[in-house]
């Protein structure tokens, strides 16, 4: 599939599965939690990706479970398990090539967890990052991408969203942005009408007066 060819005012990156891989860490934590709550971990754990932890717990509607407290405990456990987190191939160089005022991270992770994971992966944390703490309505609602674009002083419709999860893709679409899907952490093919790339290896950015364009080396 071809890459997006238009110029963009800014790039908006999801974090987990898009610029770094934390799937093993997250799934270890959530598997323990699921088993402790009598859930079928094999069925439940694949549903956690791309949305805020508190929403994942809330939609289960478990009796006697406080979603906010449980999500906080899960986040604390995830922050202790970052030993095998690493950047998606080529992501560090790709981000480093971007003007700092023309990109940011938009993640469903709480800010404290995002900071720990980015540090573990050796990736930069932009000052304009949007985390779960900043947005009451998480992905697939478009709020996070709309606010991120606003912070960068651009229109969401002039942004390219980099995503890997269905909820994030839907959020990008709802915000009116174009979407490029990163498939590095997908174990199966992804059904999407958007352009896809495995990772950032072989990708470059042309920076010009009309904006940013993704190109192949």
N, C-alpha and C. Protein backbone atom coordinates (compact mmCIF):
# COMPACT_ATOMS: atom_id res chain seq x y z
N UNK A 1 0.85 -1.20 0.00
CA UNK A 1 0.00 0.00 0.00
C UNK A 1 0.89 1.25 0.00
N UNK A 2 0.49 2.28 -0.71
CA UNK A 2 1.30 3.48 -0.80
C UNK A 2 1.20 4.31 0.47
N UNK A 3 2.19 5.15 0.69
CA UNK A 3 2.19 6.06 1.83
C UNK A 3 1.29 7.27 1.55
N UNK A 4 0.84 7.95 2.60
CA UNK A 4 0.13 9.22 2.38
C UNK A 4 1.05 10.17 1.63
N UNK A 5 0.50 10.90 0.68
CA UNK A 5 1.34 11.74 -0.17
C UNK A 5 1.17 13.24 0.08
N UNK A 6 0.20 13.64 0.89
CA UNK A 6 -0.04 15.06 1.09
C UNK A 6 0.90 15.63 2.16
N UNK A 7 0.93 16.94 2.23
CA UNK A 7 1.69 17.63 3.27
C UNK A 7 0.85 17.73 4.53
N UNK A 8 1.49 17.58 5.69
CA UNK A 8 0.80 17.66 6.98
C UNK A 8 1.43 18.73 7.86
N UNK A 9 0.57 19.39 8.62
CA UNK A 9 1.06 20.41 9.55
C UNK A 9 1.78 19.79 10.73
N UNK A 10 1.35 18.57 11.12
CA UNK A 10 1.96 17.92 12.28
C UNK A 10 1.68 16.42 12.24
N UNK A 11 2.50 15.67 12.98
CA UNK A 11 2.32 14.23 13.15
C UNK A 11 1.92 13.96 14.60
N UNK A 12 0.93 13.10 14.80
CA UNK A 12 0.46 12.73 16.14
C UNK A 12 0.66 11.22 16.31
N UNK A 13 1.47 10.83 17.29
CA UNK A 13 1.84 9.44 17.48
C UNK A 13 1.18 8.83 18.72
N UNK A 14 0.47 7.73 18.54
CA UNK A 14 0.16 6.88 19.67
C UNK A 14 1.49 6.35 20.22
N UNK A 15 1.48 5.80 21.43
CA UNK A 15 2.73 5.32 22.02
C UNK A 15 2.86 3.80 21.95
N UNK A 16 2.08 3.10 22.76
CA UNK A 16 2.21 1.65 22.87
C UNK A 16 1.84 0.96 21.57
N UNK A 17 2.79 0.19 21.02
CA UNK A 17 2.54 -0.52 19.78
C UNK A 17 2.78 0.30 18.54
N UNK A 18 3.03 1.60 18.74
CA UNK A 18 3.22 2.50 17.59
C UNK A 18 4.64 3.06 17.52
N UNK A 19 5.16 3.54 18.63
CA UNK A 19 6.57 3.96 18.64
C UNK A 19 7.41 3.11 19.59
N UNK A 20 6.76 2.36 20.47
CA UNK A 20 7.48 1.42 21.32
C UNK A 20 6.60 0.19 21.53
N UNK A 21 7.24 -0.90 21.93
CA UNK A 21 6.49 -2.12 22.21
C UNK A 21 6.51 -2.42 23.70
N UNK A 22 5.35 -2.40 24.30
CA UNK A 22 5.18 -2.71 25.72
C UNK A 22 4.15 -3.82 25.90
N UNK A 23 3.84 -4.50 24.81
CA UNK A 23 2.78 -5.50 24.86
C UNK A 23 3.08 -6.60 25.87
N UNK A 24 4.30 -7.11 25.88
CA UNK A 24 4.64 -8.19 26.81
C UNK A 24 4.46 -7.73 28.26
N UNK A 25 4.97 -6.53 28.54
CA UNK A 25 4.84 -5.97 29.89
C UNK A 25 3.39 -5.81 30.28
N UNK A 26 2.60 -5.17 29.42
CA UNK A 26 1.20 -4.93 29.74
C UNK A 26 0.43 -6.24 29.90
N UNK A 27 0.69 -7.18 29.02
CA UNK A 27 -0.08 -8.43 29.07
C UNK A 27 0.30 -9.28 30.28
N UNK A 28 1.54 -9.20 30.73
CA UNK A 28 1.90 -9.91 31.97
C UNK A 28 1.09 -9.36 33.14
N UNK A 29 1.04 -8.03 33.25
CA UNK A 29 0.33 -7.40 34.35
C UNK A 29 -1.16 -7.70 34.29
N UNK A 30 -1.75 -7.53 33.13
CA UNK A 30 -3.18 -7.73 32.98
C UNK A 30 -3.57 -9.20 33.12
N UNK A 31 -2.70 -10.11 32.73
CA UNK A 31 -2.99 -11.53 32.90
C UNK A 31 -3.10 -11.88 34.38
N UNK A 32 -2.17 -11.39 35.18
CA UNK A 32 -2.23 -11.63 36.63
C UNK A 32 -3.52 -11.06 37.20
N UNK A 33 -3.87 -9.85 36.76
CA UNK A 33 -5.08 -9.21 37.27
C UNK A 33 -6.32 -9.99 36.86
N UNK A 34 -6.36 -10.43 35.61
CA UNK A 34 -7.52 -11.18 35.12
C UNK A 34 -7.71 -12.47 35.90
N UNK A 35 -6.63 -13.20 36.11
CA UNK A 35 -6.72 -14.46 36.84
C UNK A 35 -7.21 -14.22 38.27
N UNK A 36 -6.68 -13.14 38.90
CA UNK A 36 -7.09 -12.82 40.28
C UNK A 36 -8.57 -12.50 40.37
N UNK A 37 -9.16 -12.05 39.26
CA UNK A 37 -10.58 -11.69 39.26
C UNK A 37 -11.45 -12.73 38.57
N UNK A 38 -10.89 -13.92 38.35
CA UNK A 38 -11.68 -15.02 37.81
C UNK A 38 -12.05 -14.89 36.35
N UNK A 39 -11.28 -14.10 35.60
CA UNK A 39 -11.56 -13.92 34.17
C UNK A 39 -10.77 -14.91 33.33
N UNK A 40 -11.25 -15.17 32.16
CA UNK A 40 -10.52 -15.98 31.19
C UNK A 40 -9.47 -15.07 30.55
N UNK A 41 -8.23 -15.18 31.02
CA UNK A 41 -7.19 -14.25 30.58
C UNK A 41 -6.96 -14.31 29.07
N UNK A 42 -7.03 -15.50 28.49
CA UNK A 42 -6.77 -15.64 27.06
C UNK A 42 -7.78 -14.87 26.23
N UNK A 43 -9.00 -14.80 26.70
CA UNK A 43 -10.04 -14.06 25.99
C UNK A 43 -10.01 -12.58 26.32
N UNK A 44 -9.74 -12.26 27.58
CA UNK A 44 -9.82 -10.88 28.04
C UNK A 44 -8.62 -10.03 27.64
N UNK A 45 -7.42 -10.53 27.81
CA UNK A 45 -6.22 -9.69 27.65
C UNK A 45 -6.11 -9.04 26.27
N UNK A 46 -6.47 -9.71 25.17
CA UNK A 46 -6.38 -9.03 23.88
C UNK A 46 -7.28 -7.80 23.76
N UNK A 47 -8.23 -7.60 24.69
CA UNK A 47 -9.13 -6.46 24.60
C UNK A 47 -8.60 -5.21 25.28
N UNK A 48 -7.43 -5.29 25.91
CA UNK A 48 -6.96 -4.16 26.74
C UNK A 48 -6.28 -3.06 25.93
N UNK A 49 -5.88 -3.36 24.72
CA UNK A 49 -4.98 -2.46 24.00
C UNK A 49 -5.70 -1.25 23.40
N UNK A 50 -5.07 -0.09 23.55
CA UNK A 50 -5.53 1.11 22.87
C UNK A 50 -6.52 1.97 23.64
N UNK A 51 -6.99 1.50 24.79
CA UNK A 51 -7.96 2.27 25.58
C UNK A 51 -7.43 2.47 26.99
N UNK A 52 -8.00 3.44 27.69
CA UNK A 52 -7.58 3.72 29.05
C UNK A 52 -7.88 2.54 29.95
N UNK A 53 -6.97 2.27 30.90
CA UNK A 53 -7.14 1.14 31.82
C UNK A 53 -8.44 1.24 32.60
N UNK A 54 -8.77 2.44 33.04
CA UNK A 54 -9.99 2.59 33.84
C UNK A 54 -11.22 2.21 33.03
N UNK A 55 -11.22 2.49 31.74
CA UNK A 55 -12.35 2.12 30.89
C UNK A 55 -12.40 0.61 30.67
N UNK A 56 -11.22 -0.02 30.55
CA UNK A 56 -11.17 -1.47 30.41
C UNK A 56 -11.80 -2.14 31.62
N UNK A 57 -11.45 -1.67 32.82
CA UNK A 57 -12.02 -2.25 34.05
C UNK A 57 -13.50 -1.92 34.16
N UNK A 58 -13.86 -0.68 33.85
CA UNK A 58 -15.24 -0.23 34.02
C UNK A 58 -16.21 -1.03 33.15
N UNK A 59 -15.82 -1.33 31.92
CA UNK A 59 -16.75 -2.01 31.02
C UNK A 59 -17.00 -3.45 31.43
N UNK A 60 -16.18 -4.00 32.33
CA UNK A 60 -16.42 -5.35 32.83
C UNK A 60 -17.56 -5.39 33.85
N UNK A 61 -17.77 -4.23 34.51
CA UNK A 61 -18.86 -4.13 35.48
C UNK A 61 -18.78 -5.24 36.54
N UNK A 62 -17.59 -5.44 37.09
CA UNK A 62 -17.39 -6.47 38.10
C UNK A 62 -17.95 -6.01 39.45
N UNK A 63 -18.70 -6.85 40.12
CA UNK A 63 -19.28 -6.44 41.41
C UNK A 63 -18.20 -6.17 42.46
N UNK A 64 -18.36 -5.07 43.17
CA UNK A 64 -17.44 -4.73 44.25
C UNK A 64 -16.09 -4.23 43.81
N UNK A 65 -15.92 -3.94 42.53
CA UNK A 65 -14.63 -3.49 42.01
C UNK A 65 -14.70 -2.00 41.68
N UNK A 66 -13.77 -1.23 42.24
CA UNK A 66 -13.67 0.20 41.96
C UNK A 66 -12.74 0.39 40.76
N UNK A 67 -13.27 0.77 39.59
CA UNK A 67 -12.42 0.88 38.40
C UNK A 67 -11.25 1.83 38.57
N UNK A 68 -11.45 2.94 39.26
CA UNK A 68 -10.36 3.91 39.42
C UNK A 68 -9.24 3.33 40.26
N UNK A 69 -9.59 2.70 41.38
CA UNK A 69 -8.59 2.10 42.25
C UNK A 69 -7.86 0.95 41.55
N UNK A 70 -8.62 0.12 40.84
CA UNK A 70 -8.01 -1.01 40.14
C UNK A 70 -7.07 -0.54 39.04
N UNK A 71 -7.49 0.48 38.30
CA UNK A 71 -6.64 1.00 37.23
C UNK A 71 -5.36 1.58 37.80
N UNK A 72 -5.44 2.24 38.93
CA UNK A 72 -4.24 2.81 39.57
C UNK A 72 -3.28 1.70 39.99
N UNK A 73 -3.83 0.62 40.53
CA UNK A 73 -2.98 -0.50 40.94
C UNK A 73 -2.33 -1.18 39.73
N UNK A 74 -3.09 -1.32 38.66
CA UNK A 74 -2.56 -1.92 37.44
C UNK A 74 -1.44 -1.05 36.87
N UNK A 75 -1.66 0.26 36.85
CA UNK A 75 -0.62 1.18 36.35
C UNK A 75 0.65 1.07 37.18
N UNK A 76 0.50 1.01 38.51
CA UNK A 76 1.68 0.89 39.38
C UNK A 76 2.45 -0.39 39.07
N UNK A 77 1.72 -1.49 38.82
CA UNK A 77 2.38 -2.75 38.49
C UNK A 77 3.08 -2.66 37.14
N UNK A 78 2.45 -2.01 36.18
CA UNK A 78 3.05 -1.86 34.85
C UNK A 78 4.33 -1.01 34.91
N UNK A 79 4.35 -0.02 35.79
CA UNK A 79 5.52 0.84 35.92
C UNK A 79 6.73 0.10 36.49
N UNK A 80 6.47 -1.02 37.16
CA UNK A 80 7.56 -1.83 37.71
C UNK A 80 8.07 -2.87 36.72
N UNK A 81 7.42 -2.98 35.57
CA UNK A 81 7.73 -4.04 34.62
C UNK A 81 8.03 -3.43 33.25
N UNK A 82 9.25 -2.89 33.11
CA UNK A 82 9.61 -2.21 31.86
C UNK A 82 10.92 -2.75 31.27
N UNK A 83 11.37 -3.89 31.79
CA UNK A 83 12.68 -4.40 31.40
C UNK A 83 12.80 -4.77 29.94
N UNK A 84 11.71 -5.19 29.31
CA UNK A 84 11.81 -5.61 27.92
C UNK A 84 11.11 -4.64 26.96
N UNK A 85 10.85 -3.43 27.42
CA UNK A 85 10.27 -2.41 26.53
C UNK A 85 11.36 -1.88 25.60
N UNK A 86 11.03 -1.76 24.33
CA UNK A 86 11.99 -1.26 23.37
C UNK A 86 11.28 -0.48 22.27
N UNK A 87 12.01 0.38 21.57
CA UNK A 87 11.36 1.15 20.51
C UNK A 87 11.01 0.28 19.32
N UNK A 88 9.96 0.65 18.61
CA UNK A 88 9.66 0.03 17.32
C UNK A 88 10.83 0.36 16.38
N UNK A 89 11.22 -0.58 15.56
CA UNK A 89 12.38 -0.40 14.69
C UNK A 89 12.28 0.88 13.87
N UNK A 90 13.33 1.69 13.96
CA UNK A 90 13.40 2.92 13.20
C UNK A 90 12.70 4.10 13.82
N UNK A 91 11.94 3.89 14.92
CA UNK A 91 11.15 4.98 15.49
C UNK A 91 12.01 6.11 16.06
N UNK A 92 13.10 5.76 16.72
CA UNK A 92 13.94 6.79 17.34
C UNK A 92 14.50 7.75 16.30
N UNK A 93 15.02 7.22 15.21
CA UNK A 93 15.58 8.07 14.16
C UNK A 93 14.49 8.87 13.47
N UNK A 94 13.33 8.26 13.27
CA UNK A 94 12.23 8.95 12.61
C UNK A 94 11.77 10.14 13.45
N UNK A 95 11.58 9.94 14.75
CA UNK A 95 11.17 11.04 15.63
C UNK A 95 12.24 12.13 15.69
N UNK A 96 13.49 11.71 15.73
CA UNK A 96 14.59 12.68 15.82
C UNK A 96 14.67 13.57 14.58
N UNK A 97 14.13 13.10 13.48
CA UNK A 97 14.20 13.88 12.24
C UNK A 97 13.10 14.94 12.15
N UNK A 98 12.16 14.93 13.09
CA UNK A 98 11.02 15.84 13.03
C UNK A 98 11.29 17.14 13.78
N UNK A 99 10.83 18.27 13.28
CA UNK A 99 10.90 19.51 14.05
C UNK A 99 10.10 19.33 15.34
N UNK A 100 10.66 19.67 16.50
CA UNK A 100 10.00 19.38 17.78
C UNK A 100 8.62 20.00 17.94
N UNK A 101 8.38 21.10 17.24
CA UNK A 101 7.08 21.76 17.36
C UNK A 101 6.05 21.20 16.39
N UNK A 102 6.42 20.16 15.64
CA UNK A 102 5.52 19.62 14.61
C UNK A 102 5.06 18.20 14.90
N UNK A 103 5.30 17.71 16.13
CA UNK A 103 4.84 16.36 16.46
C UNK A 103 4.61 16.25 17.96
N UNK A 104 3.79 15.27 18.32
CA UNK A 104 3.61 14.97 19.73
C UNK A 104 3.11 13.55 19.88
N UNK A 105 3.02 13.10 21.14
CA UNK A 105 2.54 11.76 21.48
C UNK A 105 1.15 11.89 22.07
N UNK A 106 0.26 10.99 21.67
CA UNK A 106 -1.13 10.97 22.16
C UNK A 106 -1.41 9.55 22.64
N UNK A 107 -1.37 9.33 23.95
CA UNK A 107 -1.43 7.98 24.48
C UNK A 107 -2.60 7.78 25.44
N UNK A 108 -3.09 6.55 25.49
CA UNK A 108 -4.13 6.19 26.45
C UNK A 108 -3.55 5.81 27.80
N UNK A 109 -2.22 5.78 27.90
CA UNK A 109 -1.57 5.47 29.17
C UNK A 109 -1.57 6.70 30.07
N UNK A 110 -1.63 6.50 31.39
CA UNK A 110 -1.44 7.63 32.30
C UNK A 110 -0.06 8.25 32.09
N UNK A 111 0.07 9.53 32.39
CA UNK A 111 1.32 10.23 32.12
C UNK A 111 2.51 9.58 32.82
N UNK A 112 2.35 9.18 34.07
CA UNK A 112 3.47 8.60 34.81
C UNK A 112 3.96 7.32 34.14
N UNK A 113 3.04 6.49 33.67
CA UNK A 113 3.42 5.26 32.98
C UNK A 113 4.05 5.57 31.63
N UNK A 114 3.50 6.54 30.92
CA UNK A 114 4.07 6.92 29.63
C UNK A 114 5.51 7.39 29.79
N UNK A 115 5.77 8.20 30.80
CA UNK A 115 7.13 8.70 31.02
C UNK A 115 8.10 7.56 31.30
N UNK A 116 7.67 6.58 32.11
CA UNK A 116 8.54 5.44 32.42
C UNK A 116 8.81 4.61 31.18
N UNK A 117 7.79 4.37 30.38
CA UNK A 117 7.97 3.55 29.19
C UNK A 117 8.82 4.24 28.14
N UNK A 118 8.61 5.54 27.95
CA UNK A 118 9.42 6.27 26.98
C UNK A 118 10.89 6.28 27.40
N UNK A 119 11.14 6.46 28.70
CA UNK A 119 12.52 6.43 29.18
C UNK A 119 13.13 5.05 28.98
N UNK A 120 12.36 3.99 29.26
CA UNK A 120 12.87 2.63 29.09
C UNK A 120 13.21 2.35 27.63
N UNK A 121 12.44 2.93 26.72
CA UNK A 121 12.66 2.72 25.29
C UNK A 121 13.70 3.68 24.71
N UNK A 122 14.14 4.66 25.50
CA UNK A 122 15.10 5.64 25.01
C UNK A 122 14.52 6.62 24.02
N UNK A 123 13.22 6.90 24.16
CA UNK A 123 12.54 7.82 23.24
C UNK A 123 12.22 9.13 23.94
N UNK A 124 12.14 10.23 23.19
CA UNK A 124 11.88 11.55 23.78
C UNK A 124 10.43 11.71 24.20
N UNK A 125 10.20 12.56 25.19
CA UNK A 125 8.85 12.90 25.61
C UNK A 125 8.60 14.36 25.27
N UNK A 126 7.75 14.65 24.30
CA UNK A 126 7.48 16.04 23.92
C UNK A 126 6.72 16.78 25.02
N UNK A 127 6.96 18.06 25.10
CA UNK A 127 6.30 18.87 26.13
C UNK A 127 4.79 18.92 25.94
N UNK A 128 4.34 18.68 24.71
CA UNK A 128 2.91 18.79 24.40
C UNK A 128 2.18 17.45 24.48
N UNK A 129 2.81 16.42 25.04
CA UNK A 129 2.21 15.08 25.06
C UNK A 129 0.83 15.09 25.72
N UNK A 130 -0.08 14.33 25.12
CA UNK A 130 -1.41 14.12 25.68
C UNK A 130 -1.46 12.71 26.26
N UNK A 131 -1.78 12.59 27.54
CA UNK A 131 -1.90 11.30 28.21
C UNK A 131 -3.32 11.12 28.73
N UNK A 132 -3.59 9.95 29.30
CA UNK A 132 -4.93 9.65 29.78
C UNK A 132 -5.40 10.68 30.81
N UNK A 133 -4.48 11.21 31.60
CA UNK A 133 -4.82 12.18 32.64
C UNK A 133 -5.40 13.47 32.07
N UNK A 134 -5.09 13.75 30.81
CA UNK A 134 -5.45 15.03 30.22
C UNK A 134 -6.83 15.03 29.55
N UNK A 135 -7.39 13.85 29.33
CA UNK A 135 -8.59 13.73 28.51
C UNK A 135 -9.64 12.89 29.24
N UNK A 136 -10.81 13.45 29.53
CA UNK A 136 -11.84 12.65 30.20
C UNK A 136 -12.40 11.54 29.33
N UNK A 137 -12.49 11.78 28.04
CA UNK A 137 -13.02 10.78 27.11
C UNK A 137 -11.88 10.21 26.28
N UNK A 138 -11.50 8.97 26.58
CA UNK A 138 -10.38 8.36 25.89
C UNK A 138 -10.75 7.82 24.53
N UNK A 139 -9.77 7.30 23.81
CA UNK A 139 -10.00 6.65 22.53
C UNK A 139 -11.02 5.53 22.72
N UNK A 140 -11.98 5.34 21.82
CA UNK A 140 -12.06 5.83 20.43
C UNK A 140 -12.67 7.22 20.26
N UNK A 141 -12.97 7.94 21.36
CA UNK A 141 -13.41 9.33 21.21
C UNK A 141 -12.26 10.15 20.61
N UNK A 142 -12.56 11.17 19.83
CA UNK A 142 -11.51 11.92 19.14
C UNK A 142 -10.82 12.98 19.99
N UNK A 143 -11.30 13.17 21.22
CA UNK A 143 -10.85 14.30 22.05
C UNK A 143 -9.33 14.43 22.13
N UNK A 144 -8.65 13.30 22.34
CA UNK A 144 -7.20 13.35 22.55
C UNK A 144 -6.47 13.93 21.34
N UNK A 145 -6.86 13.53 20.15
CA UNK A 145 -6.20 14.04 18.95
C UNK A 145 -6.59 15.49 18.67
N UNK A 146 -7.82 15.85 18.98
CA UNK A 146 -8.25 17.24 18.80
C UNK A 146 -7.46 18.17 19.72
N UNK A 147 -7.29 17.77 20.98
CA UNK A 147 -6.54 18.59 21.93
C UNK A 147 -5.06 18.64 21.55
N UNK A 148 -4.52 17.52 21.10
CA UNK A 148 -3.11 17.50 20.70
C UNK A 148 -2.86 18.46 19.55
N UNK A 149 -3.74 18.43 18.56
CA UNK A 149 -3.59 19.35 17.43
C UNK A 149 -3.69 20.80 17.90
N UNK A 150 -4.63 21.05 18.81
CA UNK A 150 -4.80 22.41 19.32
C UNK A 150 -3.53 22.88 20.03
N UNK A 151 -2.93 22.00 20.82
CA UNK A 151 -1.69 22.37 21.53
C UNK A 151 -0.56 22.70 20.57
N UNK A 152 -0.57 22.04 19.42
CA UNK A 152 0.46 22.31 18.42
C UNK A 152 0.09 23.49 17.53
N UNK A 153 -1.11 24.01 17.71
CA UNK A 153 -1.54 25.18 16.94
C UNK A 153 -1.92 24.87 15.52
N UNK A 154 -2.41 23.63 15.29
CA UNK A 154 -2.81 23.24 13.94
C UNK A 154 -4.20 22.62 13.99
N UNK A 155 -4.80 22.41 12.83
CA UNK A 155 -6.09 21.74 12.75
C UNK A 155 -5.88 20.24 12.70
N UNK A 156 -6.75 19.49 13.37
CA UNK A 156 -6.63 18.03 13.36
C UNK A 156 -6.70 17.48 11.95
N UNK A 157 -7.49 18.12 11.09
CA UNK A 157 -7.60 17.68 9.71
C UNK A 157 -6.33 17.84 8.91
N UNK A 158 -5.37 18.59 9.45
CA UNK A 158 -4.08 18.77 8.79
C UNK A 158 -3.00 17.91 9.43
N UNK A 159 -3.41 16.92 10.22
CA UNK A 159 -2.46 16.05 10.92
C UNK A 159 -2.49 14.63 10.36
N UNK A 160 -1.36 13.95 10.50
CA UNK A 160 -1.29 12.52 10.23
C UNK A 160 -1.13 11.80 11.56
N UNK A 161 -2.06 10.89 11.85
CA UNK A 161 -2.04 10.10 13.08
C UNK A 161 -1.34 8.78 12.80
N UNK A 162 -0.40 8.41 13.67
CA UNK A 162 0.27 7.12 13.60
C UNK A 162 -0.33 6.25 14.70
N UNK A 163 -0.93 5.13 14.33
CA UNK A 163 -1.65 4.30 15.28
C UNK A 163 -1.45 2.82 14.98
N UNK A 164 -1.78 2.00 15.98
CA UNK A 164 -1.73 0.55 15.76
C UNK A 164 -3.01 -0.14 16.18
N UNK A 165 -3.80 0.46 17.07
CA UNK A 165 -4.96 -0.21 17.66
C UNK A 165 -6.26 0.33 17.08
N UNK A 166 -7.27 -0.54 17.09
CA UNK A 166 -8.56 -0.17 16.50
C UNK A 166 -9.16 1.07 17.15
N UNK A 167 -9.06 1.17 18.49
CA UNK A 167 -9.64 2.33 19.18
C UNK A 167 -8.95 3.61 18.77
N UNK A 168 -7.63 3.57 18.61
CA UNK A 168 -6.90 4.75 18.21
C UNK A 168 -7.15 5.14 16.77
N UNK A 169 -7.26 4.13 15.91
CA UNK A 169 -7.58 4.40 14.51
C UNK A 169 -8.94 5.09 14.41
N UNK A 170 -9.92 4.58 15.17
CA UNK A 170 -11.25 5.19 15.17
C UNK A 170 -11.21 6.61 15.71
N UNK A 171 -10.39 6.85 16.72
CA UNK A 171 -10.26 8.19 17.28
C UNK A 171 -9.66 9.15 16.26
N UNK A 172 -8.63 8.71 15.54
CA UNK A 172 -8.04 9.53 14.51
C UNK A 172 -9.02 9.87 13.41
N UNK A 173 -9.79 8.87 12.99
CA UNK A 173 -10.81 9.09 11.97
C UNK A 173 -11.84 10.10 12.45
N UNK A 174 -12.30 9.94 13.69
CA UNK A 174 -13.33 10.83 14.23
C UNK A 174 -12.82 12.26 14.38
N UNK A 175 -11.50 12.41 14.56
CA UNK A 175 -10.91 13.74 14.68
C UNK A 175 -10.74 14.41 13.32
N UNK A 176 -10.93 13.64 12.25
CA UNK A 176 -10.78 14.19 10.92
C UNK A 176 -9.37 14.14 10.37
N UNK A 177 -8.49 13.41 11.07
CA UNK A 177 -7.10 13.30 10.63
C UNK A 177 -6.94 12.13 9.67
N UNK A 178 -5.84 12.14 8.92
CA UNK A 178 -5.44 10.96 8.17
C UNK A 178 -4.73 10.01 9.12
N UNK A 179 -4.69 8.73 8.78
CA UNK A 179 -4.13 7.72 9.66
C UNK A 179 -3.14 6.84 8.89
N UNK A 180 -2.00 6.59 9.52
CA UNK A 180 -1.03 5.61 9.03
C UNK A 180 -0.91 4.53 10.11
N UNK A 181 -1.16 3.28 9.73
CA UNK A 181 -1.21 2.19 10.70
C UNK A 181 0.15 1.48 10.77
N UNK A 182 0.67 1.34 11.99
CA UNK A 182 1.93 0.64 12.25
C UNK A 182 1.59 -0.78 12.68
N UNK A 183 2.12 -1.78 11.98
CA UNK A 183 1.72 -3.16 12.22
C UNK A 183 2.79 -4.01 12.91
N UNK A 184 3.84 -3.39 13.42
CA UNK A 184 4.98 -4.14 13.97
C UNK A 184 4.58 -5.13 15.05
N UNK A 185 3.59 -4.79 15.87
CA UNK A 185 3.22 -5.66 16.98
C UNK A 185 1.99 -6.51 16.69
N UNK A 186 1.49 -6.46 15.48
CA UNK A 186 0.30 -7.24 15.12
C UNK A 186 0.70 -8.68 14.81
N UNK A 187 0.04 -9.62 15.45
CA UNK A 187 0.31 -11.03 15.17
C UNK A 187 -0.50 -11.53 13.97
N UNK A 188 -1.54 -10.78 13.62
CA UNK A 188 -2.36 -11.11 12.45
C UNK A 188 -2.48 -9.86 11.58
N UNK A 189 -2.87 -10.04 10.36
CA UNK A 189 -3.08 -8.90 9.47
C UNK A 189 -4.16 -7.98 10.01
N UNK A 190 -4.03 -6.71 9.71
CA UNK A 190 -5.01 -5.75 10.18
C UNK A 190 -5.91 -5.35 9.01
N UNK A 191 -7.21 -5.39 9.25
CA UNK A 191 -8.17 -5.01 8.22
C UNK A 191 -8.42 -3.51 8.31
N UNK A 192 -7.88 -2.76 7.38
CA UNK A 192 -8.02 -1.30 7.41
C UNK A 192 -7.93 -0.74 6.01
N UNK A 193 -8.60 0.37 5.81
CA UNK A 193 -8.51 1.06 4.52
C UNK A 193 -7.36 2.07 4.51
N UNK A 194 -6.71 2.23 5.65
CA UNK A 194 -5.61 3.20 5.76
C UNK A 194 -4.29 2.59 5.30
N UNK A 195 -3.35 3.43 4.88
CA UNK A 195 -2.02 2.92 4.56
C UNK A 195 -1.39 2.25 5.78
N UNK A 196 -0.61 1.21 5.55
CA UNK A 196 0.06 0.50 6.64
C UNK A 196 1.55 0.35 6.34
N UNK A 197 2.34 0.36 7.40
CA UNK A 197 3.76 0.02 7.32
C UNK A 197 4.08 -0.83 8.54
N UNK A 198 5.08 -1.68 8.43
CA UNK A 198 5.44 -2.53 9.57
C UNK A 198 6.09 -1.69 10.65
N UNK A 199 7.07 -0.87 10.27
CA UNK A 199 7.80 -0.04 11.21
C UNK A 199 8.34 1.18 10.46
N UNK A 200 9.33 1.84 11.04
CA UNK A 200 9.83 3.09 10.46
C UNK A 200 11.10 2.91 9.65
N UNK A 201 11.58 1.68 9.56
CA UNK A 201 12.79 1.43 8.79
C UNK A 201 12.53 1.74 7.32
N UNK A 202 13.40 2.55 6.74
CA UNK A 202 13.24 2.92 5.35
C UNK A 202 12.33 4.10 5.11
N UNK A 203 11.79 4.69 6.21
CA UNK A 203 10.95 5.87 6.07
C UNK A 203 11.74 7.12 6.44
N UNK A 204 11.44 8.21 5.77
CA UNK A 204 12.03 9.50 6.05
C UNK A 204 10.93 10.55 6.05
N UNK A 205 11.30 11.76 6.45
CA UNK A 205 10.36 12.87 6.43
C UNK A 205 10.96 14.02 5.64
N UNK A 206 10.23 14.49 4.66
CA UNK A 206 10.62 15.69 3.94
C UNK A 206 9.95 16.87 4.63
N UNK A 207 10.76 17.80 5.11
CA UNK A 207 10.25 18.98 5.83
C UNK A 207 10.37 20.19 4.91
N UNK A 208 9.24 20.78 4.60
CA UNK A 208 9.24 21.93 3.71
C UNK A 208 8.31 23.02 4.19
N UNK A 209 8.25 24.12 3.48
CA UNK A 209 7.39 25.24 3.89
C UNK A 209 5.91 24.88 3.89
N UNK A 210 5.54 23.83 3.15
CA UNK A 210 4.14 23.42 3.08
C UNK A 210 3.79 22.33 4.08
N UNK A 211 4.79 21.87 4.86
CA UNK A 211 4.51 20.88 5.87
C UNK A 211 5.43 19.67 5.78
N UNK A 212 4.97 18.57 6.37
CA UNK A 212 5.72 17.33 6.48
C UNK A 212 5.14 16.29 5.54
N UNK A 213 6.03 15.55 4.90
CA UNK A 213 5.62 14.47 4.01
C UNK A 213 6.42 13.22 4.35
N UNK A 214 5.74 12.08 4.51
CA UNK A 214 6.42 10.82 4.75
C UNK A 214 6.92 10.28 3.41
N UNK A 215 8.19 9.89 3.37
CA UNK A 215 8.78 9.37 2.14
C UNK A 215 9.53 8.08 2.44
N UNK A 216 9.83 7.33 1.40
CA UNK A 216 10.67 6.15 1.52
C UNK A 216 12.09 6.48 1.09
N UNK A 217 13.04 5.92 1.80
CA UNK A 217 14.45 6.16 1.46
C UNK A 217 14.76 5.59 0.07
